[in-house]
Amino acid sequence: MRDTMILFTASSDWDRFLSRIQELRRLEDLSDFQRFEVGGGIVGLDTSEEAVIDFEPEELSSIEETIGEFKAALIEYENVSCRDAFLQHTIPGLLGVVDTNYDSIVLYSEMLQWILDHPGTHFREHVQ
């Protein structure tokens, strides 16, 4: 089973976010879903509008209040080590939030610190 997270990146940082992803080893794409090898696993990327389809308007408004205008990416990952490697490669210095899919929405800077403080820990163990 694969886990997912949604990365909401400030529109002003979106191009840098995407260029960092393109630095990763790209695997064969499946339709609109791109796959990359990172941290000993595979990460999938979907930047279509489907990423935010399950969010309530209030949730999206709250995110916009926090980081301004944003774009979203659905990330599917095989394991914690590839998730952490992906985040450590793509989000440093960018403005955004991670929806962990475990009832937590965390600023990028706080997420990077959490990964450093809790290496190898699954998001379901994250307490905001």
N, C-alpha and C. Protein backbone atom coordinates (compact mmCIF):
# COMPACT_ATOMS: atom_id res chain seq x y z
N MET A 1 0.83 -1.19 0.00
CA MET A 1 0.00 0.00 0.00
C MET A 1 0.87 1.25 0.00
N ARG A 2 0.46 2.22 -0.76
CA ARG A 2 1.19 3.49 -0.83
C ARG A 2 0.44 4.54 -0.04
N ASP A 3 1.19 5.46 0.54
CA ASP A 3 0.60 6.59 1.25
C ASP A 3 0.62 7.80 0.32
N THR A 4 -0.18 8.78 0.68
CA THR A 4 -0.22 10.02 -0.10
C THR A 4 -0.12 11.23 0.83
N MET A 5 0.26 12.33 0.23
CA MET A 5 0.26 13.63 0.88
C MET A 5 -0.01 14.66 -0.20
N ILE A 6 -0.48 15.81 0.20
CA ILE A 6 -0.69 16.90 -0.73
C ILE A 6 0.26 18.03 -0.34
N LEU A 7 1.01 18.52 -1.31
CA LEU A 7 1.89 19.65 -1.08
C LEU A 7 1.27 20.88 -1.72
N PHE A 8 0.99 21.87 -0.90
CA PHE A 8 0.47 23.16 -1.35
C PHE A 8 1.65 24.12 -1.34
N THR A 9 2.04 24.58 -2.52
CA THR A 9 3.20 25.45 -2.65
C THR A 9 2.73 26.82 -3.12
N ALA A 10 3.26 27.87 -2.49
CA ALA A 10 2.94 29.23 -2.91
C ALA A 10 3.22 29.37 -4.40
N SER A 11 2.31 29.99 -5.12
CA SER A 11 2.47 30.14 -6.57
C SER A 11 3.81 30.76 -6.94
N SER A 12 4.29 31.67 -6.11
CA SER A 12 5.58 32.33 -6.39
C SER A 12 6.75 31.35 -6.33
N ASP A 13 6.59 30.21 -5.64
CA ASP A 13 7.65 29.20 -5.52
C ASP A 13 7.41 27.97 -6.38
N TRP A 14 6.31 27.92 -7.10
CA TRP A 14 5.90 26.72 -7.84
C TRP A 14 6.94 26.28 -8.88
N ASP A 15 7.48 27.21 -9.64
CA ASP A 15 8.45 26.84 -10.67
C ASP A 15 9.71 26.24 -10.05
N ARG A 16 10.17 26.81 -8.93
CA ARG A 16 11.34 26.23 -8.24
C ARG A 16 11.03 24.84 -7.72
N PHE A 17 9.82 24.65 -7.19
CA PHE A 17 9.38 23.34 -6.71
C PHE A 17 9.44 22.32 -7.85
N LEU A 18 8.85 22.66 -8.98
CA LEU A 18 8.83 21.74 -10.12
C LEU A 18 10.23 21.47 -10.67
N SER A 19 11.08 22.48 -10.71
CA SER A 19 12.43 22.27 -11.25
C SER A 19 13.23 21.34 -10.33
N ARG A 20 13.02 21.43 -9.03
CA ARG A 20 13.70 20.52 -8.11
C ARG A 20 13.23 19.08 -8.33
N ILE A 21 11.97 18.91 -8.58
CA ILE A 21 11.45 17.57 -8.84
C ILE A 21 12.08 17.00 -10.11
N GLN A 22 12.22 17.83 -11.13
CA GLN A 22 12.78 17.36 -12.40
C GLN A 22 14.25 16.96 -12.28
N GLU A 23 14.92 17.35 -11.20
CA GLU A 23 16.30 16.94 -10.95
C GLU A 23 16.38 15.48 -10.51
N LEU A 24 15.27 14.92 -10.05
CA LEU A 24 15.24 13.54 -9.58
C LEU A 24 15.26 12.58 -10.76
N ARG A 25 15.62 11.32 -10.50
CA ARG A 25 15.64 10.30 -11.55
C ARG A 25 14.21 9.95 -11.92
N ARG A 26 13.85 10.30 -13.14
CA ARG A 26 12.49 10.10 -13.63
C ARG A 26 12.34 8.70 -14.21
N LEU A 27 11.23 8.08 -13.87
CA LEU A 27 10.89 6.76 -14.40
C LEU A 27 9.81 6.93 -15.46
N GLU A 28 9.41 5.85 -16.08
CA GLU A 28 8.36 5.90 -17.09
C GLU A 28 7.08 6.48 -16.49
N ASP A 29 6.47 7.40 -17.20
CA ASP A 29 5.24 8.04 -16.73
C ASP A 29 4.03 7.15 -17.00
N LEU A 30 3.06 7.24 -16.13
CA LEU A 30 1.80 6.55 -16.31
C LEU A 30 0.74 7.61 -16.53
N SER A 31 0.29 7.80 -17.74
CA SER A 31 -0.68 8.83 -18.13
C SER A 31 -0.22 10.19 -17.61
N ASP A 32 -1.03 10.85 -16.77
CA ASP A 32 -0.68 12.17 -16.24
C ASP A 32 0.10 12.09 -14.94
N PHE A 33 0.47 10.90 -14.53
CA PHE A 33 1.14 10.67 -13.27
C PHE A 33 2.63 10.44 -13.54
N GLN A 34 3.48 11.30 -13.00
CA GLN A 34 4.92 11.15 -13.17
C GLN A 34 5.50 10.39 -11.99
N ARG A 35 6.50 9.56 -12.26
CA ARG A 35 7.13 8.79 -11.19
C ARG A 35 8.62 9.07 -11.16
N PHE A 36 9.15 9.14 -9.92
CA PHE A 36 10.56 9.43 -9.72
C PHE A 36 11.14 8.48 -8.68
N GLU A 37 12.40 8.13 -8.87
CA GLU A 37 13.10 7.31 -7.88
C GLU A 37 13.87 8.24 -6.96
N VAL A 38 13.65 8.07 -5.66
CA VAL A 38 14.33 8.92 -4.68
C VAL A 38 14.34 8.20 -3.33
N GLY A 39 15.46 8.27 -2.64
CA GLY A 39 15.54 7.72 -1.29
C GLY A 39 15.21 6.24 -1.18
N GLY A 40 15.57 5.46 -2.18
CA GLY A 40 15.33 4.03 -2.12
C GLY A 40 13.89 3.62 -2.37
N GLY A 41 13.13 4.49 -3.00
CA GLY A 41 11.74 4.16 -3.31
C GLY A 41 11.24 4.98 -4.48
N ILE A 42 9.97 4.83 -4.76
CA ILE A 42 9.36 5.54 -5.87
C ILE A 42 8.32 6.52 -5.34
N VAL A 43 8.37 7.73 -5.88
CA VAL A 43 7.41 8.78 -5.55
C VAL A 43 6.65 9.11 -6.81
N GLY A 44 5.33 9.20 -6.69
CA GLY A 44 4.50 9.60 -7.81
C GLY A 44 4.03 11.03 -7.63
N LEU A 45 3.85 11.74 -8.73
CA LEU A 45 3.48 13.15 -8.73
C LEU A 45 2.30 13.38 -9.65
N ASP A 46 1.27 14.02 -9.12
CA ASP A 46 0.11 14.42 -9.90
C ASP A 46 -0.15 15.90 -9.62
N THR A 47 0.01 16.76 -10.63
CA THR A 47 -0.20 18.19 -10.44
C THR A 47 -1.52 18.65 -11.07
N SER A 48 -2.39 17.71 -11.38
CA SER A 48 -3.68 18.07 -11.96
C SER A 48 -4.60 18.64 -10.88
N GLU A 49 -5.72 19.16 -11.30
CA GLU A 49 -6.71 19.72 -10.36
C GLU A 49 -7.27 18.65 -9.43
N GLU A 50 -7.10 17.39 -9.75
CA GLU A 50 -7.59 16.29 -8.92
C GLU A 50 -6.99 16.31 -7.52
N ALA A 51 -5.82 16.93 -7.38
CA ALA A 51 -5.13 16.94 -6.09
C ALA A 51 -5.97 17.56 -4.98
N VAL A 52 -6.80 18.52 -5.32
CA VAL A 52 -7.56 19.23 -4.28
C VAL A 52 -9.06 18.97 -4.33
N ILE A 53 -9.48 18.00 -5.11
CA ILE A 53 -10.91 17.77 -5.33
C ILE A 53 -11.66 17.42 -4.04
N ASP A 54 -11.01 16.78 -3.09
CA ASP A 54 -11.67 16.35 -1.86
C ASP A 54 -11.63 17.39 -0.75
N PHE A 55 -11.06 18.54 -1.01
CA PHE A 55 -10.95 19.58 0.02
C PHE A 55 -12.19 20.46 0.02
N GLU A 56 -12.62 20.83 1.21
CA GLU A 56 -13.73 21.77 1.37
C GLU A 56 -13.22 23.18 1.05
N PRO A 57 -14.08 24.05 0.55
CA PRO A 57 -13.66 25.43 0.25
C PRO A 57 -13.05 26.13 1.46
N GLU A 58 -13.56 25.86 2.67
CA GLU A 58 -13.01 26.49 3.87
C GLU A 58 -11.57 26.05 4.12
N GLU A 59 -11.28 24.78 3.84
CA GLU A 59 -9.92 24.28 4.03
C GLU A 59 -8.97 24.98 3.07
N LEU A 60 -9.38 25.10 1.82
CA LEU A 60 -8.54 25.75 0.82
C LEU A 60 -8.36 27.23 1.15
N SER A 61 -9.41 27.88 1.65
CA SER A 61 -9.30 29.29 2.05
C SER A 61 -8.32 29.45 3.19
N SER A 62 -8.35 28.53 4.14
CA SER A 62 -7.43 28.59 5.27
C SER A 62 -5.98 28.44 4.80
N ILE A 63 -5.75 27.54 3.86
CA ILE A 63 -4.41 27.36 3.32
C ILE A 63 -3.97 28.62 2.60
N GLU A 64 -4.88 29.21 1.82
CA GLU A 64 -4.54 30.44 1.10
C GLU A 64 -4.24 31.59 2.06
N GLU A 65 -4.94 31.65 3.19
CA GLU A 65 -4.66 32.67 4.19
C GLU A 65 -3.26 32.49 4.77
N THR A 66 -2.81 31.25 4.86
CA THR A 66 -1.51 30.94 5.44
C THR A 66 -0.36 31.21 4.47
N ILE A 67 -0.50 30.80 3.20
CA ILE A 67 0.63 30.88 2.27
C ILE A 67 0.36 31.74 1.04
N GLY A 68 -0.84 32.30 0.92
CA GLY A 68 -1.18 33.09 -0.26
C GLY A 68 -1.65 32.18 -1.40
N GLU A 69 -1.69 32.74 -2.59
CA GLU A 69 -2.11 31.95 -3.76
C GLU A 69 -1.19 30.75 -3.90
N PHE A 70 -1.75 29.59 -4.21
CA PHE A 70 -0.95 28.37 -4.24
C PHE A 70 -1.33 27.47 -5.40
N LYS A 71 -0.47 26.46 -5.60
CA LYS A 71 -0.74 25.34 -6.50
C LYS A 71 -0.50 24.09 -5.69
N ALA A 72 -1.16 23.00 -6.08
CA ALA A 72 -1.09 21.78 -5.28
C ALA A 72 -0.58 20.60 -6.10
N ALA A 73 0.05 19.68 -5.39
CA ALA A 73 0.54 18.45 -6.00
C ALA A 73 0.20 17.28 -5.08
N LEU A 74 -0.38 16.26 -5.66
CA LEU A 74 -0.61 15.01 -4.94
C LEU A 74 0.65 14.17 -5.07
N ILE A 75 1.17 13.73 -3.95
CA ILE A 75 2.39 12.92 -3.93
C ILE A 75 2.04 11.56 -3.34
N GLU A 76 2.38 10.52 -4.06
CA GLU A 76 2.21 9.15 -3.58
C GLU A 76 3.61 8.59 -3.34
N TYR A 77 3.80 7.93 -2.20
CA TYR A 77 5.14 7.44 -1.88
C TYR A 77 5.08 6.03 -1.32
N GLU A 78 6.16 5.29 -1.58
CA GLU A 78 6.25 3.89 -1.18
C GLU A 78 6.57 3.69 0.29
N ASN A 79 7.46 4.53 0.81
CA ASN A 79 7.91 4.33 2.18
C ASN A 79 8.38 5.66 2.78
N VAL A 80 8.61 5.64 4.06
CA VAL A 80 8.99 6.86 4.79
C VAL A 80 10.32 7.42 4.31
N SER A 81 11.28 6.57 4.01
CA SER A 81 12.59 7.09 3.61
C SER A 81 12.52 7.80 2.26
N CYS A 82 11.74 7.29 1.31
CA CYS A 82 11.64 8.02 0.03
C CYS A 82 10.82 9.29 0.20
N ARG A 83 9.81 9.26 1.07
CA ARG A 83 9.03 10.47 1.37
C ARG A 83 9.94 11.55 1.93
N ASP A 84 10.74 11.18 2.93
CA ASP A 84 11.62 12.16 3.58
C ASP A 84 12.66 12.70 2.60
N ALA A 85 13.25 11.82 1.79
CA ALA A 85 14.25 12.26 0.81
C ALA A 85 13.61 13.21 -0.20
N PHE A 86 12.41 12.90 -0.62
CA PHE A 86 11.70 13.76 -1.56
C PHE A 86 11.45 15.14 -0.95
N LEU A 87 10.93 15.18 0.26
CA LEU A 87 10.66 16.46 0.91
C LEU A 87 11.94 17.25 1.16
N GLN A 88 12.99 16.58 1.61
CA GLN A 88 14.24 17.28 1.88
C GLN A 88 14.88 17.83 0.61
N HIS A 89 14.58 17.22 -0.52
CA HIS A 89 15.11 17.70 -1.79
C HIS A 89 14.28 18.84 -2.37
N THR A 90 12.96 18.78 -2.21
CA THR A 90 12.10 19.69 -2.97
C THR A 90 11.61 20.93 -2.22
N ILE A 91 11.45 20.88 -0.89
CA ILE A 91 10.76 22.01 -0.24
C ILE A 91 11.62 22.98 0.56
N PRO A 92 12.91 22.74 0.79
CA PRO A 92 13.67 23.71 1.58
C PRO A 92 13.62 25.12 0.98
N GLY A 93 13.37 26.10 1.84
CA GLY A 93 13.36 27.49 1.41
C GLY A 93 12.12 27.93 0.67
N LEU A 94 11.17 27.02 0.46
CA LEU A 94 9.93 27.37 -0.23
C LEU A 94 8.82 27.61 0.78
N LEU A 95 7.83 28.38 0.36
CA LEU A 95 6.66 28.63 1.21
C LEU A 95 5.56 27.66 0.81
N GLY A 96 5.06 26.92 1.78
CA GLY A 96 3.99 25.98 1.50
C GLY A 96 3.61 25.20 2.73
N VAL A 97 2.63 24.31 2.54
CA VAL A 97 2.20 23.42 3.61
C VAL A 97 2.03 22.01 3.06
N VAL A 98 2.21 21.05 3.97
CA VAL A 98 2.00 19.65 3.65
C VAL A 98 0.73 19.19 4.35
N ASP A 99 -0.19 18.62 3.59
CA ASP A 99 -1.31 17.90 4.18
C ASP A 99 -0.86 16.46 4.26
N THR A 100 -0.64 15.97 5.47
CA THR A 100 -0.06 14.64 5.67
C THR A 100 -1.03 13.50 5.37
N ASN A 101 -2.29 13.82 5.20
CA ASN A 101 -3.34 12.82 5.02
C ASN A 101 -3.64 12.10 6.34
N TYR A 102 -3.12 12.66 7.43
CA TYR A 102 -3.38 12.14 8.78
C TYR A 102 -3.79 13.28 9.69
N ASP A 103 -4.72 14.10 9.21
CA ASP A 103 -5.30 15.21 9.98
C ASP A 103 -4.30 16.26 10.43
N SER A 104 -3.24 16.46 9.66
CA SER A 104 -2.27 17.51 9.97
C SER A 104 -1.93 18.28 8.71
N ILE A 105 -1.93 19.59 8.83
CA ILE A 105 -1.43 20.46 7.77
C ILE A 105 -0.29 21.26 8.40
N VAL A 106 0.91 21.10 7.83
CA VAL A 106 2.12 21.58 8.47
C VAL A 106 2.92 22.45 7.49
N LEU A 107 3.39 23.59 7.96
CA LEU A 107 4.25 24.44 7.14
C LEU A 107 5.48 23.66 6.68
N TYR A 108 5.95 23.97 5.49
CA TYR A 108 7.15 23.28 4.97
C TYR A 108 8.31 23.35 5.95
N SER A 109 8.58 24.52 6.50
CA SER A 109 9.72 24.67 7.41
C SER A 109 9.56 23.78 8.65
N GLU A 110 8.36 23.71 9.17
CA GLU A 110 8.10 22.85 10.33
C GLU A 110 8.18 21.37 9.96
N MET A 111 7.75 21.02 8.76
CA MET A 111 7.83 19.64 8.32
C MET A 111 9.28 19.19 8.20
N LEU A 112 10.13 20.03 7.63
CA LEU A 112 11.54 19.68 7.51
C LEU A 112 12.18 19.48 8.88
N GLN A 113 11.82 20.32 9.84
CA GLN A 113 12.35 20.16 11.20
C GLN A 113 11.84 18.87 11.82
N TRP A 114 10.57 18.56 11.60
CA TRP A 114 9.99 17.33 12.15
C TRP A 114 10.69 16.09 11.59
N ILE A 115 10.99 16.12 10.29
CA ILE A 115 11.71 14.99 9.67
C ILE A 115 13.08 14.82 10.31
N LEU A 116 13.77 15.94 10.56
CA LEU A 116 15.09 15.86 11.21
C LEU A 116 14.98 15.34 12.64
N ASP A 117 13.95 15.78 13.35
CA ASP A 117 13.78 15.38 14.75
C ASP A 117 13.24 13.96 14.91
N HIS A 118 12.54 13.46 13.89
CA HIS A 118 11.90 12.14 13.96
C HIS A 118 12.19 11.32 12.71
N PRO A 119 13.46 11.02 12.44
CA PRO A 119 13.78 10.29 11.21
C PRO A 119 13.08 8.93 11.15
N GLY A 120 12.56 8.62 9.97
CA GLY A 120 11.92 7.33 9.76
C GLY A 120 10.56 7.17 10.39
N THR A 121 9.96 8.25 10.85
CA THR A 121 8.67 8.18 11.53
C THR A 121 7.53 8.43 10.56
N HIS A 122 6.52 7.59 10.64
CA HIS A 122 5.35 7.73 9.77
C HIS A 122 4.52 8.94 10.18
N PHE A 123 3.85 9.57 9.22
CA PHE A 123 3.03 10.74 9.50
C PHE A 123 1.93 10.47 10.52
N ARG A 124 1.43 9.25 10.57
CA ARG A 124 0.33 8.97 11.52
C ARG A 124 0.79 9.16 12.97
N GLU A 125 2.11 9.23 13.17
CA GLU A 125 2.66 9.45 14.51
C GLU A 125 2.97 10.93 14.76
N HIS A 126 2.68 11.78 13.77
CA HIS A 126 2.94 13.21 13.90
C HIS A 126 1.83 13.83 14.74
N VAL A 127 2.22 14.60 15.73
CA VAL A 127 1.25 15.30 16.56
C VAL A 127 1.48 16.79 16.35
N GLN A 128 0.46 17.47 15.86
CA GLN A 128 0.62 18.90 15.59
C GLN A 128 0.39 19.68 16.85
